């Protein structure tokens, strides 16, 4: 996620470099062809404003749909932040380590497992290898199960459920409190399902193909339409308008996948680290520092 007011990272503008060069080259070529009288359109006017308005509506649908996906992903991660804190608070306050059969580290183990869960979810959505936090915060057997599972986050939540069941067997938590913790884990499962739905369901092809196709077609036609008014200024006027359309197409593409691990990504690394810091402090353990922006991009 870009943290500056203006996108200064080169990776933001790089996808537009080649289309912009091609657009300006085309505009210059059309202008020169008109000046050399290679072709003319006497008596024909192109209602480019009407076409541009219709295409702008297409682009608006695309950008709005992409932003809706990005914002839903960020909202779901906000829910994971809140309920991760709930899991840690419940594990440290509802589990009684003073009963005869208690295992004192069971509560902190649940907190560490929750930290491993958010990091596992982060790498799963980005289609990366399991993170080192799996080995750091889970027991050896649990870490092996999570790494070998088809869904690491689901396996980590299952491990959390096993720890909760162990606490009930040892008499460290009553049935009412156990139901409360289970309901928190269910909310985390729902949020995970929402994030996976966004990741595995791309924008419909109509939202992705048609706006891009019509915007590029409009950029090809535009210099023919404005030459009579702009003459040698056609590459500047047509190029600026074309860049706006191409930029809108690129914005829609960038927002459509909020887990693509690029500069427009939901900052899952920073969010996961925030959860890690909060939860470790709740059990009195040393916590790492927060994730800071790199080149005005927060990952």
C-alpha atoms as a PDB file:
ATOM      1  CA  UNK A   1       0.000   0.000   0.000  1.00  0.00           C
ATOM      2  CA  UNK A   2       1.391   3.392  -0.992  1.00  0.00           C
ATOM      3  CA  UNK A   3       1.647   5.696   2.022  1.00  0.00           C
ATOM      4  CA  UNK A   4       2.615   8.949   0.291  1.00  0.00           C
ATOM      5  CA  UNK A   5       0.141  11.433  -1.132  1.00  0.00           C
ATOM      6  CA  UNK A   6       1.532  10.900  -4.608  1.00  0.00           C
ATOM      7  CA  UNK A   7       2.649   7.531  -6.052  1.00  0.00           C
ATOM      8  CA  UNK A   8       6.393   8.088  -6.325  1.00  0.00           C
ATOM      9  CA  UNK A   9       7.405   4.468  -6.613  1.00  0.00           C
ATOM     10  CA  UNK A  10       8.676   3.544 -10.078  1.00  0.00           C
ATOM     11  CA  UNK A  11       6.676   0.318  -9.979  1.00  0.00           C
ATOM     12  CA  UNK A  12       3.483   2.380  -9.953  1.00  0.00           C
ATOM     13  CA  UNK A  13       4.218   4.034 -13.283  1.00  0.00           C
ATOM     14  CA  UNK A  14       6.066   1.175 -14.978  1.00  0.00           C
ATOM     15  CA  UNK A  15       2.918  -0.624 -16.268  1.00  0.00           C
ATOM     16  CA  UNK A  16       1.891   2.603 -18.047  1.00  0.00           C
ATOM     17  CA  UNK A  17       5.266   3.287 -19.675  1.00  0.00           C
ATOM     18  CA  UNK A  18       4.934   1.101 -22.767  1.00  0.00           C
ATOM     19  CA  UNK A  19       1.231   1.918 -23.465  1.00  0.00           C
ATOM     20  CA  UNK A  20       1.967   5.643 -23.088  1.00  0.00           C
ATOM     21  CA  UNK A  21       4.907   5.511 -25.510  1.00  0.00           C
ATOM     22  CA  UNK A  22       2.796   3.590 -28.018  1.00  0.00           C
ATOM     23  CA  UNK A  23      -0.057   6.076 -27.597  1.00  0.00           C
ATOM     24  CA  UNK A  24       2.135   9.135 -28.157  1.00  0.00           C
ATOM     25  CA  UNK A  25       3.828   7.484 -31.141  1.00  0.00           C
ATOM     26  CA  UNK A  26       0.428   6.785 -32.682  1.00  0.00           C
ATOM     27  CA  UNK A  27      -0.765  10.357 -32.060  1.00  0.00           C
ATOM     28  CA  UNK A  28       2.348  11.824 -33.645  1.00  0.00           C
ATOM     29  CA  UNK A  29       2.016   9.480 -36.622  1.00  0.00           C
ATOM     30  CA  UNK A  30      -1.620  10.439 -37.213  1.00  0.00           C
ATOM     31  CA  UNK A  31      -0.767  14.141 -36.938  1.00  0.00           C
ATOM     32  CA  UNK A  32       2.084  13.874 -39.446  1.00  0.00           C
ATOM     33  CA  UNK A  33      -0.132  11.897 -41.822  1.00  0.00           C
ATOM     34  CA  UNK A  34      -2.753  14.632 -41.728  1.00  0.00           C
ATOM     35  CA  UNK A  35      -0.162  17.326 -42.285  1.00  0.00           C
ATOM     36  CA  UNK A  36       1.180  15.476 -45.333  1.00  0.00           C
ATOM     37  CA  UNK A  37      -2.381  15.031 -46.640  1.00  0.00           C
ATOM     38  CA  UNK A  38      -2.027  11.270 -46.742  1.00  0.00           C
ATOM     39  CA  UNK A  39      -5.685  11.031 -45.777  1.00  0.00           C
ATOM     40  CA  UNK A  40      -8.541  13.354 -44.951  1.00  0.00           C
ATOM     41  CA  UNK A  41     -12.134  12.993 -43.797  1.00  0.00           C
ATOM     42  CA  UNK A  42     -14.016  15.858 -45.444  1.00  0.00           C
ATOM     43  CA  UNK A  43     -17.524  16.361 -44.122  1.00  0.00           C
ATOM     44  CA  UNK A  44     -17.148  13.640 -41.478  1.00  0.00           C
ATOM     45  CA  UNK A  45     -17.201  14.498 -37.794  1.00  0.00           C
ATOM     46  CA  UNK A  46     -16.577  12.010 -35.011  1.00  0.00           C
ATOM     47  CA  UNK A  47     -18.694  12.518 -31.881  1.00  0.00           C
ATOM     48  CA  UNK A  48     -15.828  11.565 -29.620  1.00  0.00           C
ATOM     49  CA  UNK A  49     -17.333  13.252 -26.571  1.00  0.00           C
ATOM     50  CA  UNK A  50     -20.337  10.926 -26.730  1.00  0.00           C
ATOM     51  CA  UNK A  51     -18.134   7.863 -27.104  1.00  0.00           C
ATOM     52  CA  UNK A  52     -15.824   9.075 -24.351  1.00  0.00           C
ATOM     53  CA  UNK A  53     -18.709   9.484 -21.934  1.00  0.00           C
ATOM     54  CA  UNK A  54     -19.959   5.956 -22.596  1.00  0.00           C
ATOM     55  CA  UNK A  55     -16.465   4.498 -22.149  1.00  0.00           C
ATOM     56  CA  UNK A  56     -15.987   6.495 -18.938  1.00  0.00           C
ATOM     57  CA  UNK A  57     -19.086   4.740 -17.550  1.00  0.00           C
ATOM     58  CA  UNK A  58     -17.531   1.368 -18.384  1.00  0.00           C
ATOM     59  CA  UNK A  59     -14.300   2.385 -16.671  1.00  0.00           C
ATOM     60  CA  UNK A  60     -16.226   3.641 -13.651  1.00  0.00           C
ATOM     61  CA  UNK A  61     -17.846   0.230 -13.218  1.00  0.00           C
ATOM     62  CA  UNK A  62     -14.442  -1.446 -13.433  1.00  0.00           C
ATOM     63  CA  UNK A  63     -12.713   0.861 -10.951  1.00  0.00           C
ATOM     64  CA  UNK A  64     -15.628   0.763  -8.479  1.00  0.00           C
ATOM     65  CA  UNK A  65     -15.739  -3.036  -8.605  1.00  0.00           C
ATOM     66  CA  UNK A  66     -11.980  -3.247  -8.062  1.00  0.00           C
ATOM     67  CA  UNK A  67     -12.053  -0.818  -5.136  1.00  0.00           C
ATOM     68  CA  UNK A  68     -14.973  -2.682  -3.558  1.00  0.00           C
ATOM     69  CA  UNK A  69     -12.871  -5.850  -3.559  1.00  0.00           C
ATOM     70  CA  UNK A  70      -9.842  -4.020  -2.096  1.00  0.00           C
ATOM     71  CA  UNK A  71     -11.880  -2.362   0.636  1.00  0.00           C
ATOM     72  CA  UNK A  72     -13.684  -5.584   1.575  1.00  0.00           C
ATOM     73  CA  UNK A  73     -10.306  -7.298   1.914  1.00  0.00           C
ATOM     74  CA  UNK A  74      -9.056  -4.515   4.179  1.00  0.00           C
ATOM     75  CA  UNK A  75     -12.254  -4.675   6.254  1.00  0.00           C
ATOM     76  CA  UNK A  76     -11.911  -8.425   6.721  1.00  0.00           C
ATOM     77  CA  UNK A  77      -8.310  -7.996   7.839  1.00  0.00           C
ATOM     78  CA  UNK A  78      -9.539  -5.408  10.337  1.00  0.00           C
ATOM     79  CA  UNK A  79     -11.892  -8.047  11.710  1.00  0.00           C
ATOM     80  CA  UNK A  80      -8.975 -10.489  11.991  1.00  0.00           C
ATOM     81  CA  UNK A  81      -6.979  -7.881  13.943  1.00  0.00           C
ATOM     82  CA  UNK A  82      -9.809  -7.362  16.433  1.00  0.00           C
ATOM     83  CA  UNK A  83     -10.634 -11.024  16.933  1.00  0.00           C
ATOM     84  CA  UNK A  84      -6.968 -12.003  17.205  1.00  0.00           C
ATOM     85  CA  UNK A  85      -6.814  -9.676  20.198  1.00  0.00           C
ATOM     86  CA  UNK A  86     -10.004 -11.293  21.484  1.00  0.00           C
ATOM     87  CA  UNK A  87      -8.435 -14.753  21.234  1.00  0.00           C
ATOM     88  CA  UNK A  88      -5.382 -13.582  23.177  1.00  0.00           C
ATOM     89  CA  UNK A  89      -7.458 -11.807  25.811  1.00  0.00           C
ATOM     90  CA  UNK A  90      -9.703 -14.844  26.291  1.00  0.00           C
ATOM     91  CA  UNK A  91      -6.741 -17.232  26.421  1.00  0.00           C
ATOM     92  CA  UNK A  92      -5.025 -15.145  29.108  1.00  0.00           C
ATOM     93  CA  UNK A  93      -8.089 -14.352  31.231  1.00  0.00           C
ATOM     94  CA  UNK A  94     -10.505 -17.284  30.857  1.00  0.00           C
ATOM     95  CA  UNK A  95      -8.012 -20.136  31.215  1.00  0.00           C
ATOM     96  CA  UNK A  96      -7.264 -20.848  34.884  1.00  0.00           C
ATOM     97  CA  UNK A  97      -3.628 -21.972  35.315  1.00  0.00           C
ATOM     98  CA  UNK A  98      -4.111 -22.702  39.049  1.00  0.00           C
ATOM     99  CA  UNK A  99      -6.329 -25.804  38.807  1.00  0.00           C
ATOM    100  CA  UNK A 100      -4.650 -29.093  39.817  1.00  0.00           C
ATOM    101  CA  UNK A 101      -4.302 -30.539  36.317  1.00  0.00           C
ATOM    102  CA  UNK A 102      -3.426 -27.265  34.583  1.00  0.00           C
ATOM    103  CA  UNK A 103      -0.665 -26.731  32.050  1.00  0.00           C
ATOM    104  CA  UNK A 104       0.506 -23.203  32.650  1.00  0.00           C
ATOM    105  CA  UNK A 105       1.818 -22.644  29.130  1.00  0.00           C
ATOM    106  CA  UNK A 106      -1.468 -23.609  27.485  1.00  0.00           C
ATOM    107  CA  UNK A 107      -2.789 -20.030  27.394  1.00  0.00           C
ATOM    108  CA  UNK A 108       0.439 -18.554  25.946  1.00  0.00           C
ATOM    109  CA  UNK A 109       0.548 -21.453  23.460  1.00  0.00           C
ATOM    110  CA  UNK A 110      -2.885 -20.426  22.175  1.00  0.00           C
ATOM    111  CA  UNK A 111      -1.689 -16.849  21.794  1.00  0.00           C
ATOM    112  CA  UNK A 112       1.393 -17.977  19.870  1.00  0.00           C
ATOM    113  CA  UNK A 113      -0.768 -20.203  17.673  1.00  0.00           C
ATOM    114  CA  UNK A 114      -2.929 -17.200  16.821  1.00  0.00           C
ATOM    115  CA  UNK A 115       0.191 -15.285  15.754  1.00  0.00           C
ATOM    116  CA  UNK A 116       1.196 -18.209  13.556  1.00  0.00           C
ATOM    117  CA  UNK A 117      -2.318 -18.211  12.086  1.00  0.00           C
ATOM    118  CA  UNK A 118      -2.256 -14.616  10.836  1.00  0.00           C
ATOM    119  CA  UNK A 119       1.176 -15.063   9.274  1.00  0.00           C
ATOM    120  CA  UNK A 120       0.083 -18.325   7.663  1.00  0.00           C
ATOM    121  CA  UNK A 121      -3.022 -16.602   6.272  1.00  0.00           C
ATOM    122  CA  UNK A 122      -0.892 -13.762   4.891  1.00  0.00           C
ATOM    123  CA  UNK A 123       1.443 -16.060   2.943  1.00  0.00           C
ATOM    124  CA  UNK A 124      -1.421 -18.285   1.818  1.00  0.00           C
ATOM    125  CA  UNK A 125      -3.253 -15.362   0.219  1.00  0.00           C
ATOM    126  CA  UNK A 126      -0.052 -14.251  -1.500  1.00  0.00           C
ATOM    127  CA  UNK A 127       0.611 -17.836  -2.618  1.00  0.00           C
ATOM    128  CA  UNK A 128       3.975 -17.889  -0.882  1.00  0.00           C
ATOM    129  CA  UNK A 129       5.780 -20.585   1.093  1.00  0.00           C
ATOM    130  CA  UNK A 130       4.833 -21.039   4.772  1.00  0.00           C
ATOM    131  CA  UNK A 131       6.355 -18.250   6.882  1.00  0.00           C
ATOM    132  CA  UNK A 132       9.104 -18.786   9.481  1.00  0.00           C
ATOM    133  CA  UNK A 133       6.611 -17.813  12.196  1.00  0.00           C
ATOM    134  CA  UNK A 134       5.103 -21.298  11.855  1.00  0.00           C
ATOM    135  CA  UNK A 135       8.265 -22.873  13.321  1.00  0.00           C
ATOM    136  CA  UNK A 136       8.778 -19.992  15.738  1.00  0.00           C
ATOM    137  CA  UNK A 137       5.382 -20.061  17.422  1.00  0.00           C
ATOM    138  CA  UNK A 138       4.138 -23.653  17.052  1.00  0.00           C
ATOM    139  CA  UNK A 139       5.415 -26.920  18.479  1.00  0.00           C
ATOM    140  CA  UNK A 140       7.351 -29.155  16.124  1.00  0.00           C
ATOM    141  CA  UNK A 141       4.478 -31.582  15.526  1.00  0.00           C
ATOM    142  CA  UNK A 142       1.968 -28.789  14.986  1.00  0.00           C
ATOM    143  CA  UNK A 143       4.313 -26.971  12.592  1.00  0.00           C
ATOM    144  CA  UNK A 144       4.720 -30.132  10.508  1.00  0.00           C
ATOM    145  CA  UNK A 145       0.947 -30.600  10.297  1.00  0.00           C
ATOM    146  CA  UNK A 146       0.418 -26.993   9.240  1.00  0.00           C
ATOM    147  CA  UNK A 147       3.143 -27.109   6.571  1.00  0.00           C
ATOM    148  CA  UNK A 148       1.824 -30.364   5.120  1.00  0.00           C
ATOM    149  CA  UNK A 149      -1.809 -29.248   5.075  1.00  0.00           C
ATOM    150  CA  UNK A 150      -3.451 -28.043   1.877  1.00  0.00           C
ATOM    151  CA  UNK A 151      -4.633 -24.981   3.813  1.00  0.00           C
ATOM    152  CA  UNK A 152      -2.128 -23.803   6.388  1.00  0.00           C
ATOM    153  CA  UNK A 153      -4.468 -21.234   7.991  1.00  0.00           C
ATOM    154  CA  UNK A 154      -7.226 -23.820   8.448  1.00  0.00           C
ATOM    155  CA  UNK A 155      -4.766 -26.285   9.966  1.00  0.00           C
ATOM    156  CA  UNK A 156      -3.546 -23.597  12.367  1.00  0.00           C
ATOM    157  CA  UNK A 157      -7.110 -22.813  13.479  1.00  0.00           C
ATOM    158  CA  UNK A 158      -7.663 -26.545  13.983  1.00  0.00           C
ATOM    159  CA  UNK A 159      -4.581 -26.617  16.206  1.00  0.00           C
ATOM    160  CA  UNK A 160      -6.050 -23.727  18.192  1.00  0.00           C
ATOM    161  CA  UNK A 161      -9.243 -25.741  18.627  1.00  0.00           C
ATOM    162  CA  UNK A 162      -7.220 -28.695  19.910  1.00  0.00           C
ATOM    163  CA  UNK A 163      -5.507 -26.492  22.470  1.00  0.00           C
ATOM    164  CA  UNK A 164      -8.899 -25.233  23.596  1.00  0.00           C
ATOM    165  CA  UNK A 165     -10.181 -28.802  23.903  1.00  0.00           C
ATOM    166  CA  UNK A 166      -7.110 -29.682  25.981  1.00  0.00           C
ATOM    167  CA  UNK A 167      -7.853 -26.767  28.286  1.00  0.00           C
ATOM    168  CA  UNK A 168     -11.385 -28.086  28.781  1.00  0.00           C
ATOM    169  CA  UNK A 169     -10.129 -31.626  29.541  1.00  0.00           C
ATOM    170  CA  UNK A 170      -7.745 -30.244  32.128  1.00  0.00           C
ATOM    171  CA  UNK A 171     -10.503 -28.233  33.756  1.00  0.00           C
ATOM    172  CA  UNK A 172      -8.862 -24.891  32.958  1.00  0.00           C
ATOM    173  CA  UNK A 173     -11.995 -23.503  31.296  1.00  0.00           C
ATOM    174  CA  UNK A 174     -15.719 -24.100  31.760  1.00  0.00           C
ATOM    175  CA  UNK A 175     -18.221 -24.821  29.017  1.00  0.00           C
ATOM    176  CA  UNK A 176     -19.594 -21.291  28.868  1.00  0.00           C
ATOM    177  CA  UNK A 177     -16.141 -19.737  28.404  1.00  0.00           C
ATOM    178  CA  UNK A 178     -15.210 -22.404  25.868  1.00  0.00           C
ATOM    179  CA  UNK A 179     -18.248 -21.500  23.768  1.00  0.00           C
ATOM    180  CA  UNK A 180     -17.136 -17.867  23.864  1.00  0.00           C
ATOM    181  CA  UNK A 181     -13.672 -18.737  22.560  1.00  0.00           C
ATOM    182  CA  UNK A 182     -15.157 -21.054  19.917  1.00  0.00           C
ATOM    183  CA  UNK A 183     -17.382 -18.237  18.678  1.00  0.00           C
ATOM    184  CA  UNK A 184     -14.293 -16.036  18.263  1.00  0.00           C
ATOM    185  CA  UNK A 185     -12.567 -18.763  16.261  1.00  0.00           C
ATOM    186  CA  UNK A 186     -15.699 -19.063  14.110  1.00  0.00           C
ATOM    187  CA  UNK A 187     -15.542 -15.357  13.278  1.00  0.00           C
ATOM    188  CA  UNK A 188     -11.920 -15.810  12.231  1.00  0.00           C
ATOM    189  CA  UNK A 189     -12.971 -18.712   9.998  1.00  0.00           C
ATOM    190  CA  UNK A 190     -15.656 -16.544   8.392  1.00  0.00           C
ATOM    191  CA  UNK A 191     -13.162 -13.733   7.740  1.00  0.00           C
ATOM    192  CA  UNK A 192     -10.689 -16.203   6.246  1.00  0.00           C
ATOM    193  CA  UNK A 193     -13.406 -17.544   3.971  1.00  0.00           C
ATOM    194  CA  UNK A 194     -14.206 -14.029   2.784  1.00  0.00           C
ATOM    195  CA  UNK A 195     -10.569 -13.328   1.972  1.00  0.00           C
ATOM    196  CA  UNK A 196     -10.199 -16.620   0.100  1.00  0.00           C
ATOM    197  CA  UNK A 197     -13.386 -15.864  -1.842  1.00  0.00           C
ATOM    198  CA  UNK A 198     -11.890 -12.574  -3.042  1.00  0.00           C
ATOM    199  CA  UNK A 199      -8.607 -14.273  -3.950  1.00  0.00           C
ATOM    200  CA  UNK A 200     -10.158 -17.171  -5.858  1.00  0.00           C
ATOM    201  CA  UNK A 201     -12.951 -15.271  -7.620  1.00  0.00           C
ATOM    202  CA  UNK A 202     -11.599 -12.824 -10.224  1.00  0.00           C
ATOM    203  CA  UNK A 203     -13.593  -9.955 -11.626  1.00  0.00           C
ATOM    204  CA  UNK A 204     -16.019 -11.135 -14.328  1.00  0.00           C
ATOM    205  CA  UNK A 205     -14.484 -11.027 -17.781  1.00  0.00           C
ATOM    206  CA  UNK A 206     -16.924  -8.299 -18.814  1.00  0.00           C
ATOM    207  CA  UNK A 207     -15.504  -5.992 -16.134  1.00  0.00           C
ATOM    208  CA  UNK A 208     -11.931  -6.766 -17.137  1.00  0.00           C
ATOM    209  CA  UNK A 209     -12.045  -7.067 -20.940  1.00  0.00           C
ATOM    210  CA  UNK A 210     -14.671  -4.632 -22.212  1.00  0.00           C
ATOM    211  CA  UNK A 211     -13.486  -1.435 -20.454  1.00  0.00           C
ATOM    212  CA  UNK A 212      -9.883  -2.132 -21.453  1.00  0.00           C
ATOM    213  CA  UNK A 213     -10.837  -2.894 -25.070  1.00  0.00           C
ATOM    214  CA  UNK A 214     -13.068   0.139 -25.545  1.00  0.00           C
ATOM    215  CA  UNK A 215     -10.619   2.492 -23.816  1.00  0.00           C
ATOM    216  CA  UNK A 216      -7.800   1.433 -26.137  1.00  0.00           C
ATOM    217  CA  UNK A 217     -10.078   1.686 -29.165  1.00  0.00           C
ATOM    218  CA  UNK A 218     -11.033   5.206 -28.110  1.00  0.00           C
ATOM    219  CA  UNK A 219      -7.352   6.141 -27.816  1.00  0.00           C
ATOM    220  CA  UNK A 220      -6.820   4.987 -31.420  1.00  0.00           C
ATOM    221  CA  UNK A 221      -9.759   7.002 -32.766  1.00  0.00           C
ATOM    222  CA  UNK A 222      -9.227  10.153 -30.719  1.00  0.00           C
ATOM    223  CA  UNK A 223      -6.408  11.834 -32.736  1.00  0.00           C
ATOM    224  CA  UNK A 224      -8.534  11.581 -35.907  1.00  0.00           C
ATOM    225  CA  UNK A 225     -11.378  13.335 -34.092  1.00  0.00           C
ATOM    226  CA  UNK A 226      -9.419  16.222 -32.582  1.00  0.00           C
ATOM    227  CA  UNK A 227      -6.933  16.978 -35.368  1.00  0.00           C
ATOM    228  CA  UNK A 228      -9.118  19.600 -37.064  1.00  0.00           C
ATOM    229  CA  UNK A 229      -9.219  21.595 -33.820  1.00  0.00           C
ATOM    230  CA  UNK A 230      -5.708  21.001 -32.451  1.00  0.00           C
ATOM    231  CA  UNK A 231      -3.531  20.554 -35.554  1.00  0.00           C
ATOM    232  CA  UNK A 232       0.087  20.141 -34.359  1.00  0.00           C
ATOM    233  CA  UNK A 233      -1.120  20.130 -30.753  1.00  0.00           C
ATOM    234  CA  UNK A 234      -2.968  16.869 -31.398  1.00  0.00           C
ATOM    235  CA  UNK A 235      -0.350  14.572 -29.761  1.00  0.00           C
ATOM    236  CA  UNK A 236      -0.508  16.614 -26.549  1.00  0.00           C
ATOM    237  CA  UNK A 237      -4.282  16.913 -26.323  1.00  0.00           C
ATOM    238  CA  UNK A 238      -5.044  13.389 -27.495  1.00  0.00           C
ATOM    239  CA  UNK A 239      -2.175  11.928 -25.483  1.00  0.00           C
ATOM    240  CA  UNK A 240      -3.312  13.490 -22.210  1.00  0.00           C
ATOM    241  CA  UNK A 241      -6.885  12.282 -22.617  1.00  0.00           C
ATOM    242  CA  UNK A 242      -5.687   8.835 -23.658  1.00  0.00           C
ATOM    243  CA  UNK A 243      -3.399   8.614 -20.635  1.00  0.00           C
ATOM    244  CA  UNK A 244      -6.363   9.336 -18.368  1.00  0.00           C
ATOM    245  CA  UNK A 245      -8.284   6.416 -19.862  1.00  0.00           C
ATOM    246  CA  UNK A 246      -5.290   4.091 -19.694  1.00  0.00           C
ATOM    247  CA  UNK A 247      -4.640   5.135 -16.095  1.00  0.00           C
ATOM    248  CA  UNK A 248      -8.245   4.349 -15.155  1.00  0.00           C
ATOM    249  CA  UNK A 249      -7.894   0.890 -16.718  1.00  0.00           C
ATOM    250  CA  UNK A 250      -4.677   0.281 -14.773  1.00  0.00           C
ATOM    251  CA  UNK A 251      -6.233   1.446 -11.488  1.00  0.00           C
ATOM    252  CA  UNK A 252      -9.060  -1.034 -11.927  1.00  0.00           C
ATOM    253  CA  UNK A 253      -6.601  -3.857 -12.602  1.00  0.00           C
ATOM    254  CA  UNK A 254      -4.405  -2.944  -9.632  1.00  0.00           C
ATOM    255  CA  UNK A 255      -7.297  -2.884  -7.156  1.00  0.00           C
ATOM    256  CA  UNK A 256      -8.985  -6.054  -8.414  1.00  0.00           C
ATOM    257  CA  UNK A 257      -6.465  -8.355  -6.673  1.00  0.00           C
ATOM    258  CA  UNK A 258      -5.618  -6.973  -3.211  1.00  0.00           C
ATOM    259  CA  UNK A 259      -3.276  -9.919  -2.485  1.00  0.00           C
ATOM    260  CA  UNK A 260      -0.972  -9.708  -5.507  1.00  0.00           C
ATOM    261  CA  UNK A 261       2.078  -8.728  -3.399  1.00  0.00           C
ATOM    262  CA  UNK A 262       2.709  -5.458  -5.210  1.00  0.00           C
ATOM    263  CA  UNK A 263       2.620  -1.802  -4.176  1.00  0.00           C
ATOM    264  CA  UNK A 264      -1.202  -1.726  -4.279  1.00  0.00           C
ATOM    265  CA  UNK A 265      -1.535  -4.754  -2.007  1.00  0.00           C
ATOM    266  CA  UNK A 266      -3.426  -4.699   1.283  1.00  0.00           C
ATOM    267  CA  UNK A 267      -0.508  -4.265   3.751  1.00  0.00           C
ATOM    268  CA  UNK A 268      -0.824  -7.745   5.231  1.00  0.00           C
ATOM    269  CA  UNK A 269       2.781  -7.929   6.412  1.00  0.00           C
ATOM    270  CA  UNK A 270       2.357  -4.770   8.496  1.00  0.00           C
ATOM    271  CA  UNK A 271      -1.041  -5.897   9.786  1.00  0.00           C
ATOM    272  CA  UNK A 272       0.305  -9.323  10.763  1.00  0.00           C
ATOM    273  CA  UNK A 273       3.248  -7.723  12.558  1.00  0.00           C
ATOM    274  CA  UNK A 274       0.882  -5.405  14.454  1.00  0.00           C
ATOM    275  CA  UNK A 275      -1.086  -8.437  15.640  1.00  0.00           C
ATOM    276  CA  UNK A 276       2.154 -10.204  16.573  1.00  0.00           C
ATOM    277  CA  UNK A 277       3.355  -7.253  18.652  1.00  0.00           C
ATOM    278  CA  UNK A 278       0.043  -6.825  20.474  1.00  0.00           C
ATOM    279  CA  UNK A 279      -0.336 -10.505  21.300  1.00  0.00           C
ATOM    280  CA  UNK A 280       3.234 -11.015  22.476  1.00  0.00           C
ATOM    281  CA  UNK A 281       2.913  -8.012  24.784  1.00  0.00           C
ATOM    282  CA  UNK A 282      -0.270  -9.522  26.227  1.00  0.00           C
ATOM    283  CA  UNK A 283       1.683 -12.597  27.402  1.00  0.00           C
ATOM    284  CA  UNK A 284       4.719 -10.596  28.506  1.00  0.00           C
ATOM    285  CA  UNK A 285       7.039 -11.807  25.744  1.00  0.00           C
ATOM    286  CA  UNK A 286       9.554  -9.785  23.761  1.00  0.00           C
ATOM    287  CA  UNK A 287       8.015  -8.372  20.595  1.00  0.00           C
ATOM    288  CA  UNK A 288       9.664  -7.369  17.314  1.00  0.00           C
ATOM    289  CA  UNK A 289       9.440  -3.846  15.942  1.00  0.00           C
ATOM    290  CA  UNK A 290       6.671  -2.716  13.599  1.00  0.00           C
ATOM    291  CA  UNK A 291       6.927  -2.927   9.824  1.00  0.00           C
ATOM    292  CA  UNK A 292       7.808   0.485   8.384  1.00  0.00           C
ATOM    293  CA  UNK A 293       7.219   1.720   4.825  1.00  0.00           C
ATOM    294  CA  UNK A 294       9.979   0.966   2.320  1.00  0.00           C
ATOM    295  CA  UNK A 295      10.221   3.536  -0.435  1.00  0.00           C
ATOM    296  CA  UNK A 296       6.888   4.979   0.734  1.00  0.00           C
ATOM    297  CA  UNK A 297       5.233   1.565   0.307  1.00  0.00           C
ATOM    298  CA  UNK A 298       3.859  -0.367   3.280  1.00  0.00           C
ATOM    299  CA  UNK A 299       3.826  -4.116   2.682  1.00  0.00           C
END
